[in-house]
Amino acid sequence: MAQARDQARDQARGKSCGKSCGKALRSAILSFSAALAALLALGGMPGPAWSPVWSPVWSPVWSQAWAGSDAVTSGLPVPRFVSLKADRVTVRGGPDKDHDVAWIYTRVGWPVEITAEFENWRRIRDCDGAEGWVYHSLLSGKRTAAVQLKAKTDLAPLYQTPDVHSAMTARLQVGVLGSVKHCTGAWCQISGDGFAGWVEQSALWGVYPGEKIE
């Protein structure tokens, strides 16, 4: 799979101070933690669903609360598959530009899965399981799929029709990208650079098992 990622930047370290500063800081943190616990006990935390103190790692508890809130604005199903609209897509640790860049995709058309929405931002997951936030305009509703098999050396047979007894027209390597034309729930018709045909749906990342696409 041809995709380029930058390593996430290290978390910023705070400056040290004297004993009085440390006591004040600990007191402020305890007060914040108590307020946070009270808000969660009342039914959820408004606003961003990530840890606001130190860690950029997404909190599963807050994520569930967010997923059930009014933050989803597109009205489309979540999760769902989309594709990268640009050849340079910046992924951030949270849904605004104040968050650090986690990595950058450099392959237009690559399929990703939207797992959450907040205003104009979409949390996406790729075929390796990595998740981050991108601006909605960098994503396309065009359906694409990439060959994904258990071993990177395996090949996915491409058939002339959705039948293993039909003529085999090619063998596709892991990471080969194609546009999805149709899916029956067991087979998908795809086309790409120099190939077109039917491949078993289970060999693709970018479509759900049993999903039908007309």
C-alpha atoms as a PDB file:
ATOM      1  CA  MET A   1       0.000   0.000   0.000  1.00  0.00           C
ATOM      2  CA  ALA A   2       1.446   3.246  -1.188  1.00  0.00           C
ATOM      3  CA  GLN A   3       0.786   5.783   1.444  1.00  0.00           C
ATOM      4  CA  ALA A   4       3.084   8.128   3.299  1.00  0.00           C
ATOM      5  CA  ARG A   5       2.842   8.931   6.939  1.00  0.00           C
ATOM      6  CA  ASP A   6       4.705  11.332   9.141  1.00  0.00           C
ATOM      7  CA  GLN A   7       5.400  10.339  12.724  1.00  0.00           C
ATOM      8  CA  ALA A   8       3.149  12.142  15.235  1.00  0.00           C
ATOM      9  CA  ARG A   9       4.931  14.949  16.977  1.00  0.00           C
ATOM     10  CA  ASP A  10       5.947  14.424  20.587  1.00  0.00           C
ATOM     11  CA  GLN A  11       3.679  15.941  23.190  1.00  0.00           C
ATOM     12  CA  ALA A  12       4.824  19.369  24.386  1.00  0.00           C
ATOM     13  CA  ARG A  13       6.519  19.356  27.766  1.00  0.00           C
ATOM     14  CA  GLY A  14       5.574  21.977  30.373  1.00  0.00           C
ATOM     15  CA  LYS A  15       8.167  24.124  32.095  1.00  0.00           C
ATOM     16  CA  SER A  16       9.036  23.304  35.709  1.00  0.00           C
ATOM     17  CA  CYS A  17       8.463  25.794  38.506  1.00  0.00           C
ATOM     18  CA  GLY A  18       8.881  26.139  42.265  1.00  0.00           C
ATOM     19  CA  LYS A  19       6.957  24.441  45.057  1.00  0.00           C
ATOM     20  CA  SER A  20       4.288  27.157  45.212  1.00  0.00           C
ATOM     21  CA  CYS A  21       3.661  26.871  41.495  1.00  0.00           C
ATOM     22  CA  GLY A  22       3.436  23.087  41.744  1.00  0.00           C
ATOM     23  CA  LYS A  23       0.871  23.283  44.573  1.00  0.00           C
ATOM     24  CA  ALA A  24      -1.233  25.766  42.612  1.00  0.00           C
ATOM     25  CA  LEU A  25      -1.082  23.580  39.516  1.00  0.00           C
ATOM     26  CA  ARG A  26      -2.090  20.452  41.444  1.00  0.00           C
ATOM     27  CA  SER A  27      -4.969  22.349  43.063  1.00  0.00           C
ATOM     28  CA  ALA A  28      -6.211  23.581  39.682  1.00  0.00           C
ATOM     29  CA  ILE A  29      -6.018  20.071  38.210  1.00  0.00           C
ATOM     30  CA  LEU A  30      -7.965  18.595  41.147  1.00  0.00           C
ATOM     31  CA  SER A  31     -10.641  21.279  40.784  1.00  0.00           C
ATOM     32  CA  PHE A  32     -10.903  20.622  37.055  1.00  0.00           C
ATOM     33  CA  SER A  33     -11.091  16.855  37.578  1.00  0.00           C
ATOM     34  CA  ALA A  34     -13.918  17.290  40.116  1.00  0.00           C
ATOM     35  CA  ALA A  35     -15.858  19.515  37.706  1.00  0.00           C
ATOM     36  CA  LEU A  36     -15.292  17.047  34.872  1.00  0.00           C
ATOM     37  CA  ALA A  37     -16.547  14.131  36.986  1.00  0.00           C
ATOM     38  CA  ALA A  38     -19.675  16.125  37.886  1.00  0.00           C
ATOM     39  CA  LEU A  39     -20.404  16.889  34.243  1.00  0.00           C
ATOM     40  CA  LEU A  40     -19.984  13.267  33.225  1.00  0.00           C
ATOM     41  CA  ALA A  41     -22.276  12.151  36.059  1.00  0.00           C
ATOM     42  CA  LEU A  42     -24.964  14.499  34.726  1.00  0.00           C
ATOM     43  CA  GLY A  43     -24.988  12.775  31.346  1.00  0.00           C
ATOM     44  CA  GLY A  44     -21.993  13.736  29.278  1.00  0.00           C
ATOM     45  CA  MET A  45     -19.467  16.387  28.451  1.00  0.00           C
ATOM     46  CA  PRO A  46     -20.386  19.059  25.894  1.00  0.00           C
ATOM     47  CA  GLY A  47     -17.883  19.927  23.212  1.00  0.00           C
ATOM     48  CA  PRO A  48     -14.881  17.937  21.998  1.00  0.00           C
ATOM     49  CA  ALA A  49     -14.665  14.306  23.030  1.00  0.00           C
ATOM     50  CA  TRP A  50     -10.945  14.107  23.620  1.00  0.00           C
ATOM     51  CA  SER A  51      -8.870  14.396  26.785  1.00  0.00           C
ATOM     52  CA  PRO A  52      -8.392  18.158  27.444  1.00  0.00           C
ATOM     53  CA  VAL A  53      -5.455  17.995  29.894  1.00  0.00           C
ATOM     54  CA  TRP A  54      -2.442  16.221  28.438  1.00  0.00           C
ATOM     55  CA  SER A  55      -3.127  13.234  26.211  1.00  0.00           C
ATOM     56  CA  PRO A  56      -4.044  13.548  22.501  1.00  0.00           C
ATOM     57  CA  VAL A  57      -5.302   9.948  22.551  1.00  0.00           C
ATOM     58  CA  TRP A  58      -9.037   9.662  21.894  1.00  0.00           C
ATOM     59  CA  SER A  59     -11.141   8.714  24.925  1.00  0.00           C
ATOM     60  CA  PRO A  60     -13.546   5.822  24.126  1.00  0.00           C
ATOM     61  CA  VAL A  61     -15.994   6.975  26.815  1.00  0.00           C
ATOM     62  CA  TRP A  62     -16.187  10.499  25.467  1.00  0.00           C
ATOM     63  CA  SER A  63     -16.283   9.169  21.913  1.00  0.00           C
ATOM     64  CA  GLN A  64     -19.454   7.183  22.655  1.00  0.00           C
ATOM     65  CA  ALA A  65     -21.071  10.233  24.239  1.00  0.00           C
ATOM     66  CA  TRP A  66     -20.126  12.332  21.221  1.00  0.00           C
ATOM     67  CA  ALA A  67     -21.412   9.750  18.745  1.00  0.00           C
ATOM     68  CA  GLY A  68     -24.828   9.959  20.376  1.00  0.00           C
ATOM     69  CA  SER A  69     -24.947  13.748  20.479  1.00  0.00           C
ATOM     70  CA  ASP A  70     -26.042  16.363  17.951  1.00  0.00           C
ATOM     71  CA  ALA A  71     -22.429  16.744  16.756  1.00  0.00           C
ATOM     72  CA  VAL A  72     -23.114  14.570  13.684  1.00  0.00           C
ATOM     73  CA  THR A  73     -24.161  17.128  11.099  1.00  0.00           C
ATOM     74  CA  SER A  74     -24.108  15.483   7.650  1.00  0.00           C
ATOM     75  CA  GLY A  75     -27.150  13.287   8.204  1.00  0.00           C
ATOM     76  CA  LEU A  76     -25.340  10.402   6.500  1.00  0.00           C
ATOM     77  CA  PRO A  77     -24.764   7.001   8.120  1.00  0.00           C
ATOM     78  CA  VAL A  78     -21.825   6.609  10.485  1.00  0.00           C
ATOM     79  CA  PRO A  79     -19.707   4.592   9.996  1.00  0.00           C
ATOM     80  CA  ARG A  80     -19.425   4.756   6.198  1.00  0.00           C
ATOM     81  CA  PHE A  81     -16.699   4.468   3.576  1.00  0.00           C
ATOM     82  CA  VAL A  82     -15.464   7.442   1.556  1.00  0.00           C
ATOM     83  CA  SER A  83     -12.258   8.201  -0.329  1.00  0.00           C
ATOM     84  CA  LEU A  84      -9.530  10.843  -0.157  1.00  0.00           C
ATOM     85  CA  LYS A  85     -10.317  13.719  -2.487  1.00  0.00           C
ATOM     86  CA  ALA A  86      -6.840  15.240  -2.668  1.00  0.00           C
ATOM     87  CA  ASP A  87      -3.302  13.960  -3.122  1.00  0.00           C
ATOM     88  CA  ARG A  88      -2.333  15.588   0.168  1.00  0.00           C
ATOM     89  CA  VAL A  89      -4.686  15.107   3.110  1.00  0.00           C
ATOM     90  CA  THR A  90      -3.597  16.313   6.546  1.00  0.00           C
ATOM     91  CA  VAL A  91      -4.780  14.230   9.503  1.00  0.00           C
ATOM     92  CA  ARG A  92      -4.965  15.878  12.931  1.00  0.00           C
ATOM     93  CA  GLY A  93      -5.349  14.652  16.486  1.00  0.00           C
ATOM     94  CA  GLY A  94      -8.697  16.432  16.955  1.00  0.00           C
ATOM     95  CA  PRO A  95     -11.424  18.272  15.029  1.00  0.00           C
ATOM     96  CA  ASP A  96      -9.829  21.683  14.568  1.00  0.00           C
ATOM     97  CA  LYS A  97      -6.646  23.188  13.189  1.00  0.00           C
ATOM     98  CA  ASP A  98      -5.229  23.814  16.648  1.00  0.00           C
ATOM     99  CA  HIS A  99      -4.463  20.105  16.970  1.00  0.00           C
ATOM    100  CA  ASP A 100      -1.111  18.767  15.846  1.00  0.00           C
ATOM    101  CA  VAL A 101      -0.743  17.044  12.496  1.00  0.00           C
ATOM    102  CA  ALA A 102      -0.611  13.290  13.111  1.00  0.00           C
ATOM    103  CA  TRP A 103       0.271  12.254   9.563  1.00  0.00           C
ATOM    104  CA  ILE A 104      -0.376  13.123   5.906  1.00  0.00           C
ATOM    105  CA  TYR A 105      -1.929  10.925   3.211  1.00  0.00           C
ATOM    106  CA  THR A 106      -0.468  11.358  -0.252  1.00  0.00           C
ATOM    107  CA  ARG A 107      -2.595   9.002  -2.347  1.00  0.00           C
ATOM    108  CA  VAL A 108      -5.739  10.460  -3.876  1.00  0.00           C
ATOM    109  CA  GLY A 109      -8.692   8.086  -3.975  1.00  0.00           C
ATOM    110  CA  TRP A 110      -7.556   5.926  -1.059  1.00  0.00           C
ATOM    111  CA  PRO A 111     -10.552   4.469   0.830  1.00  0.00           C
ATOM    112  CA  VAL A 112     -11.088   5.424   4.466  1.00  0.00           C
ATOM    113  CA  GLU A 113     -13.924   4.866   6.901  1.00  0.00           C
ATOM    114  CA  ILE A 114     -15.688   7.744   8.662  1.00  0.00           C
ATOM    115  CA  THR A 115     -16.229   6.740  12.294  1.00  0.00           C
ATOM    116  CA  ALA A 116     -17.434  10.050  13.771  1.00  0.00           C
ATOM    117  CA  GLU A 117     -18.382  13.599  12.790  1.00  0.00           C
ATOM    118  CA  PHE A 118     -18.129  16.973  14.484  1.00  0.00           C
ATOM    119  CA  GLU A 119     -19.274  20.085  12.630  1.00  0.00           C
ATOM    120  CA  ASN A 120     -17.155  20.154   9.445  1.00  0.00           C
ATOM    121  CA  TRP A 121     -14.642  17.581  10.651  1.00  0.00           C
ATOM    122  CA  ARG A 122     -14.644  13.828  10.119  1.00  0.00           C
ATOM    123  CA  ARG A 123     -12.812  11.205  12.132  1.00  0.00           C
ATOM    124  CA  ILE A 124     -11.495   8.580   9.735  1.00  0.00           C
ATOM    125  CA  ARG A 125      -9.904   5.147  10.042  1.00  0.00           C
ATOM    126  CA  ASP A 126      -7.654   3.538   7.443  1.00  0.00           C
ATOM    127  CA  CYS A 127      -6.984  -0.095   6.597  1.00  0.00           C
ATOM    128  CA  ASP A 128      -4.237  -0.251   9.255  1.00  0.00           C
ATOM    129  CA  GLY A 129      -6.648   0.867  11.985  1.00  0.00           C
ATOM    130  CA  ALA A 130      -5.107   4.329  12.424  1.00  0.00           C
ATOM    131  CA  GLU A 131      -7.620   7.075  13.250  1.00  0.00           C
ATOM    132  CA  GLY A 132      -7.504  10.856  13.019  1.00  0.00           C
ATOM    133  CA  TRP A 133      -9.506  13.928  12.024  1.00  0.00           C
ATOM    134  CA  VAL A 134      -9.681  15.566   8.585  1.00  0.00           C
ATOM    135  CA  TYR A 135     -11.666  18.472   7.184  1.00  0.00           C
ATOM    136  CA  HIS A 136     -14.769  17.321   5.338  1.00  0.00           C
ATOM    137  CA  SER A 137     -13.880  18.965   2.001  1.00  0.00           C
ATOM    138  CA  LEU A 138     -10.834  16.686   1.705  1.00  0.00           C
ATOM    139  CA  LEU A 139     -13.103  13.631   1.431  1.00  0.00           C
ATOM    140  CA  SER A 140     -15.197  12.372  -1.470  1.00  0.00           C
ATOM    141  CA  GLY A 141     -18.290  10.196  -1.589  1.00  0.00           C
ATOM    142  CA  LYS A 142     -16.793   8.315  -4.546  1.00  0.00           C
ATOM    143  CA  ARG A 143     -16.422   4.663  -3.606  1.00  0.00           C
ATOM    144  CA  THR A 144     -13.056   3.065  -4.088  1.00  0.00           C
ATOM    145  CA  ALA A 145     -11.507  -0.106  -2.713  1.00  0.00           C
ATOM    146  CA  ALA A 146      -8.016  -1.472  -2.193  1.00  0.00           C
ATOM    147  CA  VAL A 147      -6.954  -5.086  -2.219  1.00  0.00           C
ATOM    148  CA  GLN A 148      -6.349  -6.274   1.346  1.00  0.00           C
ATOM    149  CA  LEU A 149      -5.360  -9.871   2.067  1.00  0.00           C
ATOM    150  CA  LYS A 150      -3.976 -11.778   5.042  1.00  0.00           C
ATOM    151  CA  ALA A 151      -0.464 -11.864   3.599  1.00  0.00           C
ATOM    152  CA  LYS A 152       1.091  -9.036   1.625  1.00  0.00           C
ATOM    153  CA  THR A 153       2.474 -11.534  -0.851  1.00  0.00           C
ATOM    154  CA  ASP A 154      -0.971 -12.971  -1.646  1.00  0.00           C
ATOM    155  CA  LEU A 155      -2.750 -12.107  -4.890  1.00  0.00           C
ATOM    156  CA  ALA A 156      -6.468 -11.515  -5.434  1.00  0.00           C
ATOM    157  CA  PRO A 157      -7.872 -13.152  -8.589  1.00  0.00           C
ATOM    158  CA  LEU A 158      -9.817 -10.828 -10.882  1.00  0.00           C
ATOM    159  CA  TYR A 159     -12.548 -12.561 -12.884  1.00  0.00           C
ATOM    160  CA  GLN A 160     -14.487 -11.647 -15.989  1.00  0.00           C
ATOM    161  CA  THR A 161     -17.796 -12.287 -14.212  1.00  0.00           C
ATOM    162  CA  PRO A 162     -18.744 -12.771 -10.531  1.00  0.00           C
ATOM    163  CA  ASP A 163     -17.997 -16.483 -10.689  1.00  0.00           C
ATOM    164  CA  VAL A 164     -14.825 -18.371  -9.759  1.00  0.00           C
ATOM    165  CA  HIS A 165     -15.370 -20.577 -12.809  1.00  0.00           C
ATOM    166  CA  SER A 166     -15.259 -17.630 -15.219  1.00  0.00           C
ATOM    167  CA  ALA A 167     -12.119 -16.469 -17.007  1.00  0.00           C
ATOM    168  CA  MET A 168      -9.455 -14.955 -14.754  1.00  0.00           C
ATOM    169  CA  THR A 169      -8.261 -11.676 -16.233  1.00  0.00           C
ATOM    170  CA  ALA A 170      -5.620 -10.643 -13.673  1.00  0.00           C
ATOM    171  CA  ARG A 171      -4.146 -11.195 -10.233  1.00  0.00           C
ATOM    172  CA  LEU A 172      -4.083  -8.087  -8.062  1.00  0.00           C
ATOM    173  CA  GLN A 173      -1.430  -7.328  -5.473  1.00  0.00           C
ATOM    174  CA  VAL A 174      -2.180  -6.043  -1.984  1.00  0.00           C
ATOM    175  CA  GLY A 175      -2.663  -2.276  -2.126  1.00  0.00           C
ATOM    176  CA  VAL A 176      -3.959  -2.150  -5.705  1.00  0.00           C
ATOM    177  CA  LEU A 177      -6.587   0.595  -5.851  1.00  0.00           C
ATOM    178  CA  GLY A 178      -9.721   0.520  -7.957  1.00  0.00           C
ATOM    179  CA  SER A 179     -13.026   2.336  -8.409  1.00  0.00           C
ATOM    180  CA  VAL A 180     -16.051   0.383  -7.229  1.00  0.00           C
ATOM    181  CA  LYS A 181     -18.747   0.002  -9.887  1.00  0.00           C
ATOM    182  CA  HIS A 182     -21.083  -2.566  -8.337  1.00  0.00           C
ATOM    183  CA  CYS A 183     -21.162  -4.938  -5.378  1.00  0.00           C
ATOM    184  CA  THR A 184     -23.519  -7.888  -4.938  1.00  0.00           C
ATOM    185  CA  GLY A 185     -22.723  -8.568  -1.311  1.00  0.00           C
ATOM    186  CA  ALA A 186     -20.214 -11.268  -2.225  1.00  0.00           C
ATOM    187  CA  TRP A 187     -18.498  -9.804  -5.320  1.00  0.00           C
ATOM    188  CA  CYS A 188     -17.480  -6.321  -6.432  1.00  0.00           C
ATOM    189  CA  GLN A 189     -16.895  -5.045  -9.933  1.00  0.00           C
ATOM    190  CA  ILE A 190     -13.890  -2.737  -9.890  1.00  0.00           C
ATOM    191  CA  SER A 191     -11.704  -0.983 -12.431  1.00  0.00           C
ATOM    192  CA  GLY A 192      -8.345   0.662 -12.232  1.00  0.00           C
ATOM    193  CA  ASP A 193      -5.164   1.406 -14.121  1.00  0.00           C
ATOM    194  CA  GLY A 194      -5.090  -1.299 -16.790  1.00  0.00           C
ATOM    195  CA  PHE A 195      -7.624  -3.681 -15.263  1.00  0.00           C
ATOM    196  CA  ALA A 196     -11.365  -4.228 -14.854  1.00  0.00           C
ATOM    197  CA  GLY A 197     -13.384  -7.157 -13.585  1.00  0.00           C
ATOM    198  CA  TRP A 198     -14.904  -8.856 -10.564  1.00  0.00           C
ATOM    199  CA  VAL A 199     -13.159  -9.648  -7.300  1.00  0.00           C
ATOM    200  CA  GLU A 200     -14.446 -11.319  -4.167  1.00  0.00           C
ATOM    201  CA  GLN A 201     -15.738  -8.684  -1.761  1.00  0.00           C
ATOM    202  CA  SER A 202     -13.862 -10.160   1.190  1.00  0.00           C
ATOM    203  CA  ALA A 203     -10.563  -9.291  -0.531  1.00  0.00           C
ATOM    204  CA  LEU A 204     -11.256  -5.548  -0.482  1.00  0.00           C
ATOM    205  CA  TRP A 205     -10.890  -2.693   1.991  1.00  0.00           C
ATOM    206  CA  GLY A 206     -13.427   0.023   1.241  1.00  0.00           C
ATOM    207  CA  VAL A 207     -16.653  -2.015   1.198  1.00  0.00           C
ATOM    208  CA  TYR A 208     -18.470  -3.748   4.022  1.00  0.00           C
ATOM    209  CA  PRO A 209     -19.105  -7.507   4.094  1.00  0.00           C
ATOM    210  CA  GLY A 210     -22.470  -8.120   2.485  1.00  0.00           C
ATOM    211  CA  GLU A 211     -22.828  -4.510   1.303  1.00  0.00           C
ATOM    212  CA  LYS A 212     -24.641  -4.032  -2.003  1.00  0.00           C
ATOM    213  CA  ILE A 213     -23.706  -1.140  -4.295  1.00  0.00           C
ATOM    214  CA  GLU A 214     -25.713  -0.430  -7.434  1.00  0.00           C
END
